[in-house]
Amino acid sequence: MAGMRFTRLFRFVTLPELEARSPDRVSLAMIDLSTEFAGLKLRNPVITASGTFGYGEEFCDLIDLNRLGGLVVKGLSVAPMRGASPPRLHETAAGMLNAIGLQNVGVERFVSEKLPLLRRYDTAIFANVFGQTPEDYVRVVEVLNRAQGLAGYEINISCPNVKRGGIVYGSDPAATHEVVKAIKQVASRPVIVKLSPNVTDIVVIARAAEDAGADALSLINTLLGMSIDTETGSPRLGNLTGGLSGPAIKPVALRMVYQVARGVRIPVIGIGGIRTAEDALEFLIAGARAIEIGTANFLDPAAAVKIIDGLNAFCQRKGIQRLQSVVGSLKS
């Protein structure tokens, strides 16, 4: 009898029962990670960044692409490009330098050879576009317009404009406005402009893109850097300089996302050194509607999926039903 009384008084309580009793927890089934921007709705705000996820096919046997909010394929040009001379990568103390040189198969081959596989997945596919003249950008977008299975275009303006003496589109408001306006006149899908951090005032560039009709902005692209082998006195990259990415640039990226999100009316996607769910949450709190995972994909192909799981866990722990409620919630 004593044992029966003990059992009745101290029966085991299951985890679902504990969740139901706690006002600070919500079940995973109740959590909404979805986000909306530029007329698109994604199942979650986690997107893999251009140049770090190949054409998607390289990762399809490693993770479930359907878990992602979206993926951005590597940059596409009018014609195939061989890229820069090796060495192309160098690990830094807290990140990575790369000088790939925008190697790609060209937009026509992408549409015929790469895109059919991506259409099998229920994930937003974004094509990254670059060129050396506004006409180059327009030609790539016109080819993509005829293809099925894309959600939108991410425009890389960290490229030199050969018509204007090599000035980088993303460092000059007038050049930014020119190329974005030309693209918007032909694009049949949302246009996301990817901003360079190698500028004096990124908000000025952001507003130029917005004024030209951009539907959203993604930032930041890599910071320009270099490294030298002291034994040989030679640069560690074949291209001399390269783009710095990874955890080292996160504080800079976070600051710029915060500034731009408050300086424009269109949505912002945060990029730069995001490795964990906590990193992702910092960008959301700073004002980003979504985030892109870049260098972390090299360290762990499942990084994006783990971040999604971490966002779910955060919402469950904090009793948050809709993740987007934290966007722009930074306390002053």
Foldseek 3Di string as FASTA:
>chain_A
DVVVVCCVVDPDDDPVNVLVPDLQFDDLVLAQQWFDFLRDIFSHQEEAEAPFCALVPVCVVPDPQQLGSAYEHHEAWQAFDQFFDDPAWDADPFFIFGGRRSGDHHLVCCQVPRQVVLQVYPHAYEYEYEDQALVGRQNSQLSVQPGPDHQYYEYEQQFFNVVVVGDGLQADLVSLLVSLLSNVVRHPHAYEYEHEPPYDANLSNLVSNVVSPHREYEDDWFDKDWAADPVVRHTNGSVRIGGTAALVCLVVQLVNLLVNLVSDDHAYEGEGRDQALVSQLSSQLSAHRHYHHHRNCVVPVCRSVRSVVVLSVVCRNRVNSYSNVNGNNDDD
